[in-house]
Amino acid sequence: HRVYQKRDFGNQSLKCKYFALFAM
């Protein structure tokens, strides 16, 4: 929720984690 609220889509560590979750 905080990533979308702050538009923090450039954080590479979080992007890797959540894209892995999206894949699963």
PDB file of all heavy atoms in Angstrom:
ATOM      1  N   HIS A   1       0.833  -1.207   0.000  1.00  0.00           N
ATOM      2  CA  HIS A   1       0.000   0.000   0.000  1.00  0.00           C
ATOM      3  C   HIS A   1       0.864   1.253   0.000  1.00  0.00           C
ATOM      4  O   HIS A   1       0.576   2.221  -0.724  1.00  0.00           O
ATOM      5  CB  HIS A   1      -0.925   0.001   1.218  1.00  0.00           C
ATOM      6  CG  HIS A   1      -2.157  -0.820   1.042  1.00  0.00           C
ATOM      7  ND1 HIS A   1      -3.284  -0.357   0.399  1.00  0.00           N
ATOM      8  CD2 HIS A   1      -2.445  -2.092   1.423  1.00  0.00           C
ATOM      9  CE1 HIS A   1      -4.214  -1.289   0.387  1.00  0.00           C
ATOM     10  NE2 HIS A   1      -3.731  -2.360   1.007  1.00  0.00           N
ATOM     11  N   ARG A   2       1.932   1.272   0.799  1.00  0.00           N
ATOM     12  CA  ARG A   2       2.786   2.461   0.873  1.00  0.00           C
ATOM     13  C   ARG A   2       3.500   2.715  -0.450  1.00  0.00           C
ATOM     14  O   ARG A   2       3.701   3.875  -0.851  1.00  0.00           O
ATOM     15  CB  ARG A   2       3.809   2.310   1.996  1.00  0.00           C
ATOM     16  CG  ARG A   2       3.202   2.383   3.389  1.00  0.00           C
ATOM     17  CD  ARG A   2       4.260   2.686   4.440  1.00  0.00           C
ATOM     18  NE  ARG A   2       5.237   1.613   4.556  1.00  0.00           N
ATOM     19  CZ  ARG A   2       5.119   0.585   5.389  1.00  0.00           C
ATOM     20  NH1 ARG A   2       4.042   0.496   6.173  1.00  0.00           N
ATOM     21  NH2 ARG A   2       6.047  -0.336   5.452  1.00  0.00           N
ATOM     22  N   VAL A   3       3.905   1.650  -1.148  1.00  0.00           N
ATOM     23  CA  VAL A   3       4.568   1.809  -2.444  1.00  0.00           C
ATOM     24  C   VAL A   3       3.650   2.529  -3.420  1.00  0.00           C
ATOM     25  O   VAL A   3       4.067   3.447  -4.141  1.00  0.00           O
ATOM     26  CB  VAL A   3       4.992   0.431  -3.007  1.00  0.00           C
ATOM     27  CG1 VAL A   3       5.385   0.553  -4.485  1.00  0.00           C
ATOM     28  CG2 VAL A   3       6.141  -0.147  -2.210  1.00  0.00           C
ATOM     29  N   TYR A   4       2.373   2.164  -3.434  1.00  0.00           N
ATOM     30  CA  TYR A   4       1.432   2.797  -4.361  1.00  0.00           C
ATOM     31  C   TYR A   4       1.040   4.196  -3.899  1.00  0.00           C
ATOM     32  O   TYR A   4       0.801   5.087  -4.723  1.00  0.00           O
ATOM     33  CB  TYR A   4       0.197   1.913  -4.520  1.00  0.00           C
ATOM     34  CG  TYR A   4       0.400   0.801  -5.521  1.00  0.00           C
ATOM     35  CD1 TYR A   4       1.007  -0.391  -5.137  1.00  0.00           C
ATOM     36  CD2 TYR A   4       0.010   0.946  -6.847  1.00  0.00           C
ATOM     37  CE1 TYR A   4       1.208  -1.421  -6.049  1.00  0.00           C
ATOM     38  CE2 TYR A   4       0.205  -0.068  -7.772  1.00  0.00           C
ATOM     39  CZ  TYR A   4       0.809  -1.247  -7.370  1.00  0.00           C
ATOM     40  OH  TYR A   4       1.019  -2.256  -8.277  1.00  0.00           O
ATOM     41  N   GLN A   5       0.983   4.388  -2.590  1.00  0.00           N
ATOM     42  CA  GLN A   5       0.640   5.715  -2.080  1.00  0.00           C
ATOM     43  C   GLN A   5       1.739   6.721  -2.385  1.00  0.00           C
ATOM     44  O   GLN A   5       1.475   7.855  -2.791  1.00  0.00           O
ATOM     45  CB  GLN A   5       0.387   5.645  -0.575  1.00  0.00           C
ATOM     46  CG  GLN A   5      -0.918   4.978  -0.191  1.00  0.00           C
ATOM     47  CD  GLN A   5      -1.070   4.845   1.315  1.00  0.00           C
ATOM     48  OE1 GLN A   5      -0.145   5.141   2.082  1.00  0.00           O
ATOM     49  NE2 GLN A   5      -2.251   4.391   1.747  1.00  0.00           N
ATOM     50  N   LYS A   6       3.004   6.294  -2.215  1.00  0.00           N
ATOM     51  CA  LYS A   6       4.144   7.191  -2.418  1.00  0.00           C
ATOM     52  C   LYS A   6       4.693   7.132  -3.839  1.00  0.00           C
ATOM     53  O   LYS A   6       5.645   7.852  -4.153  1.00  0.00           O
ATOM     54  CB  LYS A   6       5.260   6.848  -1.431  1.00  0.00           C
ATOM     55  CG  LYS A   6       4.866   7.016   0.029  1.00  0.00           C
ATOM     56  CD  LYS A   6       6.039   6.658   0.942  1.00  0.00           C
ATOM     57  CE  LYS A   6       5.673   6.838   2.409  1.00  0.00           C
ATOM     58  NZ  LYS A   6       6.816   6.483   3.308  1.00  0.00           N
ATOM     59  N   ARG A   7       4.104   6.260  -4.662  1.00  0.00           N
ATOM     60  CA  ARG A   7       4.586   6.065  -6.036  1.00  0.00           C
ATOM     61  C   ARG A   7       6.074   5.699  -6.034  1.00  0.00           C
ATOM     62  O   ARG A   7       6.852   6.123  -6.902  1.00  0.00           O
ATOM     63  CB  ARG A   7       4.363   7.324  -6.875  1.00  0.00           C
ATOM     64  CG  ARG A   7       2.963   7.919  -6.783  1.00  0.00           C
ATOM     65  CD  ARG A   7       1.922   6.994  -7.345  1.00  0.00           C
ATOM     66  NE  ARG A   7       2.089   6.757  -8.780  1.00  0.00           N
ATOM     67  CZ  ARG A   7       1.341   5.903  -9.496  1.00  0.00           C
ATOM     68  NH1 ARG A   7       0.389   5.183  -8.888  1.00  0.00           N
ATOM     69  NH2 ARG A   7       1.547   5.751 -10.793  1.00  0.00           N
ATOM     70  N   ASP A   8       6.467   4.886  -5.064  1.00  0.00           N
ATOM     71  CA  ASP A   8       7.866   4.507  -4.901  1.00  0.00           C
ATOM     72  C   ASP A   8       8.176   3.281  -5.756  1.00  0.00           C
ATOM     73  O   ASP A   8       8.633   2.241  -5.262  1.00  0.00           O
ATOM     74  CB  ASP A   8       8.146   4.219  -3.421  1.00  0.00           C
ATOM     75  CG  ASP A   8       9.624   4.007  -3.144  1.00  0.00           C
ATOM     76  OD1 ASP A   8      10.446   4.381  -3.994  1.00  0.00           O
ATOM     77  OD2 ASP A   8       9.956   3.445  -2.071  1.00  0.00           O
ATOM     78  N   PHE A   9       7.947   3.408  -7.074  1.00  0.00           N
ATOM     79  CA  PHE A   9       8.122   2.272  -7.960  1.00  0.00           C
ATOM     80  C   PHE A   9       9.568   2.078  -8.414  1.00  0.00           C
ATOM     81  O   PHE A   9       9.881   1.113  -9.102  1.00  0.00           O
ATOM     82  CB  PHE A   9       7.236   2.429  -9.202  1.00  0.00           C
ATOM     83  CG  PHE A   9       5.771   2.505  -8.868  1.00  0.00           C
ATOM     84  CD1 PHE A   9       4.980   3.522  -9.380  1.00  0.00           C
ATOM     85  CD2 PHE A   9       5.181   1.563  -8.034  1.00  0.00           C
ATOM     86  CE1 PHE A   9       3.628   3.596  -9.086  1.00  0.00           C
ATOM     87  CE2 PHE A   9       3.827   1.619  -7.733  1.00  0.00           C
ATOM     88  CZ  PHE A   9       3.047   2.647  -8.252  1.00  0.00           C
ATOM     89  N   GLY A  10      10.456   2.998  -8.026  1.00  0.00           N
ATOM     90  CA  GLY A  10      11.854   2.886  -8.445  1.00  0.00           C
ATOM     91  C   GLY A  10      12.728   2.140  -7.460  1.00  0.00           C
ATOM     92  O   GLY A  10      13.906   1.909  -7.740  1.00  0.00           O
ATOM     93  N   ASN A  11      12.185   1.763  -6.306  1.00  0.00           N
ATOM     94  CA  ASN A  11      12.965   1.020  -5.317  1.00  0.00           C
ATOM     95  C   ASN A  11      13.235  -0.386  -5.853  1.00  0.00           C
ATOM     96  O   ASN A  11      12.337  -1.224  -5.949  1.00  0.00           O
ATOM     97  CB  ASN A  11      12.190   0.959  -3.998  1.00  0.00           C
ATOM     98  CG  ASN A  11      13.022   0.364  -2.875  1.00  0.00           C
ATOM     99  OD1 ASN A  11      13.708  -0.637  -3.039  1.00  0.00           O
ATOM    100  ND2 ASN A  11      12.953   0.994  -1.702  1.00  0.00           N
ATOM    101  N   GLN A  12      14.503  -0.648  -6.218  1.00  0.00           N
ATOM    102  CA  GLN A  12      14.846  -1.902  -6.886  1.00  0.00           C
ATOM    103  C   GLN A  12      14.642  -3.127  -5.993  1.00  0.00           C
ATOM    104  O   GLN A  12      14.203  -4.181  -6.462  1.00  0.00           O
ATOM    105  CB  GLN A  12      16.306  -1.848  -7.360  1.00  0.00           C
ATOM    106  CG  GLN A  12      16.592  -0.728  -8.352  1.00  0.00           C
ATOM    107  CD  GLN A  12      15.804  -0.884  -9.647  1.00  0.00           C
ATOM    108  OE1 GLN A  12      16.048  -1.805 -10.410  1.00  0.00           O
ATOM    109  NE2 GLN A  12      14.871   0.018  -9.896  1.00  0.00           N
ATOM    110  N   SER A  13      14.940  -3.018  -4.721  1.00  0.00           N
ATOM    111  CA  SER A  13      14.785  -4.152  -3.797  1.00  0.00           C
ATOM    112  C   SER A  13      13.318  -4.541  -3.661  1.00  0.00           C
ATOM    113  O   SER A  13      12.961  -5.721  -3.747  1.00  0.00           O
ATOM    114  CB  SER A  13      15.375  -3.807  -2.433  1.00  0.00           C
ATOM    115  OG  SER A  13      16.765  -3.603  -2.519  1.00  0.00           O
ATOM    116  N   LEU A  14      12.463  -3.528  -3.456  1.00  0.00           N
ATOM    117  CA  LEU A  14      11.034  -3.819  -3.311  1.00  0.00           C
ATOM    118  C   LEU A  14      10.433  -4.296  -4.632  1.00  0.00           C
ATOM    119  O   LEU A  14       9.562  -5.175  -4.651  1.00  0.00           O
ATOM    120  CB  LEU A  14      10.298  -2.573  -2.813  1.00  0.00           C
ATOM    121  CG  LEU A  14      10.584  -2.152  -1.361  1.00  0.00           C
ATOM    122  CD1 LEU A  14       9.809  -0.887  -1.009  1.00  0.00           C
ATOM    123  CD2 LEU A  14      10.203  -3.280  -0.407  1.00  0.00           C
ATOM    124  N   LYS A  15      10.902  -3.717  -5.733  1.00  0.00           N
ATOM    125  CA  LYS A  15      10.385  -4.133  -7.036  1.00  0.00           C
ATOM    126  C   LYS A  15      10.694  -5.610  -7.284  1.00  0.00           C
ATOM    127  O   LYS A  15       9.840  -6.367  -7.766  1.00  0.00           O
ATOM    128  CB  LYS A  15      10.995  -3.268  -8.137  1.00  0.00           C
ATOM    129  CG  LYS A  15      10.459  -3.603  -9.528  1.00  0.00           C
ATOM    130  CD  LYS A  15      11.055  -2.672 -10.581  1.00  0.00           C
ATOM    131  CE  LYS A  15      10.495  -3.004 -11.968  1.00  0.00           C
ATOM    132  NZ  LYS A  15      11.062  -2.112 -13.027  1.00  0.00           N
ATOM    133  N   CYS A  16      11.898  -6.036  -6.939  1.00  0.00           N
ATOM    134  CA  CYS A  16      12.278  -7.437  -7.122  1.00  0.00           C
ATOM    135  C   CYS A  16      11.381  -8.346  -6.281  1.00  0.00           C
ATOM    136  O   CYS A  16      10.880  -9.368  -6.782  1.00  0.00           O
ATOM    137  CB  CYS A  16      13.747  -7.627  -6.733  1.00  0.00           C
ATOM    138  SG  CYS A  16      14.338  -9.319  -6.899  1.00  0.00           S
ATOM    139  N   LYS A  17      11.169  -7.982  -5.030  1.00  0.00           N
ATOM    140  CA  LYS A  17      10.354  -8.809  -4.140  1.00  0.00           C
ATOM    141  C   LYS A  17       8.912  -8.900  -4.630  1.00  0.00           C
ATOM    142  O   LYS A  17       8.332 -10.001  -4.711  1.00  0.00           O
ATOM    143  CB  LYS A  17      10.395  -8.238  -2.730  1.00  0.00           C
ATOM    144  CG  LYS A  17       9.464  -8.934  -1.746  1.00  0.00           C
ATOM    145  CD  LYS A  17       9.554  -8.319  -0.363  1.00  0.00           C
ATOM    146  CE  LYS A  17       8.558  -8.950   0.599  1.00  0.00           C
ATOM    147  NZ  LYS A  17       8.676  -8.379   1.974  1.00  0.00           N
ATOM    148  N   TYR A  18       8.317  -7.762  -4.974  1.00  0.00           N
ATOM    149  CA  TYR A  18       6.897  -7.775  -5.341  1.00  0.00           C
ATOM    150  C   TYR A  18       6.671  -8.343  -6.743  1.00  0.00           C
ATOM    151  O   TYR A  18       5.646  -8.988  -6.989  1.00  0.00           O
ATOM    152  CB  TYR A  18       6.305  -6.377  -5.202  1.00  0.00           C
ATOM    153  CG  TYR A  18       6.016  -6.038  -3.761  1.00  0.00           C
ATOM    154  CD1 TYR A  18       6.847  -5.199  -3.047  1.00  0.00           C
ATOM    155  CD2 TYR A  18       4.926  -6.602  -3.105  1.00  0.00           C
ATOM    156  CE1 TYR A  18       6.601  -4.905  -1.707  1.00  0.00           C
ATOM    157  CE2 TYR A  18       4.669  -6.318  -1.773  1.00  0.00           C
ATOM    158  CZ  TYR A  18       5.512  -5.479  -1.082  1.00  0.00           C
ATOM    159  OH  TYR A  18       5.261  -5.217   0.241  1.00  0.00           O
ATOM    160  N   PHE A  19       7.623  -8.168  -7.639  1.00  0.00           N
ATOM    161  CA  PHE A  19       7.474  -8.811  -8.946  1.00  0.00           C
ATOM    162  C   PHE A  19       7.562 -10.332  -8.806  1.00  0.00           C
ATOM    163  O   PHE A  19       6.891 -11.072  -9.535  1.00  0.00           O
ATOM    164  CB  PHE A  19       8.526  -8.289  -9.921  1.00  0.00           C
ATOM    165  CG  PHE A  19       8.090  -7.047 -10.665  1.00  0.00           C
ATOM    166  CD1 PHE A  19       7.336  -6.061 -10.021  1.00  0.00           C
ATOM    167  CD2 PHE A  19       8.408  -6.853 -11.990  1.00  0.00           C
ATOM    168  CE1 PHE A  19       6.928  -4.916 -10.698  1.00  0.00           C
ATOM    169  CE2 PHE A  19       8.000  -5.716 -12.681  1.00  0.00           C
ATOM    170  CZ  PHE A  19       7.264  -4.747 -12.032  1.00  0.00           C
ATOM    171  N   ALA A  20       8.380 -10.809  -7.882  1.00  0.00           N
ATOM    172  CA  ALA A  20       8.432 -12.251  -7.614  1.00  0.00           C
ATOM    173  C   ALA A  20       7.100 -12.729  -7.049  1.00  0.00           C
ATOM    174  O   ALA A  20       6.608 -13.806  -7.410  1.00  0.00           O
ATOM    175  CB  ALA A  20       9.570 -12.568  -6.652  1.00  0.00           C
ATOM    176  N   LEU A  21       6.493 -11.920  -6.173  1.00  0.00           N
ATOM    177  CA  LEU A  21       5.175 -12.261  -5.643  1.00  0.00           C
ATOM    178  C   LEU A  21       4.106 -12.210  -6.728  1.00  0.00           C
ATOM    179  O   LEU A  21       3.211 -13.065  -6.782  1.00  0.00           O
ATOM    180  CB  LEU A  21       4.816 -11.312  -4.502  1.00  0.00           C
ATOM    181  CG  LEU A  21       5.510 -11.566  -3.159  1.00  0.00           C
ATOM    182  CD1 LEU A  21       5.295 -10.386  -2.205  1.00  0.00           C
ATOM    183  CD2 LEU A  21       4.993 -12.853  -2.517  1.00  0.00           C
ATOM    184  N   PHE A  22       4.188 -11.201  -7.616  1.00  0.00           N
ATOM    185  CA  PHE A  22       3.229 -11.127  -8.718  1.00  0.00           C
ATOM    186  C   PHE A  22       3.340 -12.370  -9.607  1.00  0.00           C
ATOM    187  O   PHE A  22       2.321 -12.905 -10.082  1.00  0.00           O
ATOM    188  CB  PHE A  22       3.479  -9.873  -9.565  1.00  0.00           C
ATOM    189  CG  PHE A  22       3.270  -8.572  -8.833  1.00  0.00           C
ATOM    190  CD1 PHE A  22       3.868  -7.394  -9.283  1.00  0.00           C
ATOM    191  CD2 PHE A  22       2.487  -8.514  -7.683  1.00  0.00           C
ATOM    192  CE1 PHE A  22       3.670  -6.193  -8.624  1.00  0.00           C
ATOM    193  CE2 PHE A  22       2.294  -7.310  -7.004  1.00  0.00           C
ATOM    194  CZ  PHE A  22       2.893  -6.151  -7.472  1.00  0.00           C
ATOM    195  N   ALA A  23       4.567 -12.816  -9.847  1.00  0.00           N
ATOM    196  CA  ALA A  23       4.769 -14.002 -10.683  1.00  0.00           C
ATOM    197  C   ALA A  23       4.098 -15.221 -10.063  1.00  0.00           C
ATOM    198  O   ALA A  23       3.382 -15.970 -10.744  1.00  0.00           O
ATOM    199  CB  ALA A  23       6.270 -14.257 -10.867  1.00  0.00           C
ATOM    200  N   MET A  24       4.305 -15.420  -8.775  1.00  0.00           N
ATOM    201  CA  MET A  24       3.699 -16.563  -8.100  1.00  0.00           C
ATOM    202  C   MET A  24       2.182 -16.433  -8.071  1.00  0.00           C
ATOM    203  O   MET A  24       1.452 -17.415  -8.251  1.00  0.00           O
ATOM    204  CB  MET A  24       4.252 -16.699  -6.689  1.00  0.00           C
ATOM    205  CG  MET A  24       5.729 -17.036  -6.647  1.00  0.00           C
ATOM    206  SD  MET A  24       6.259 -17.540  -5.007  1.00  0.00           S
ATOM    207  CE  MET A  24       5.351 -19.060  -4.836  1.00  0.00           C
TER     208      MET A  24
END
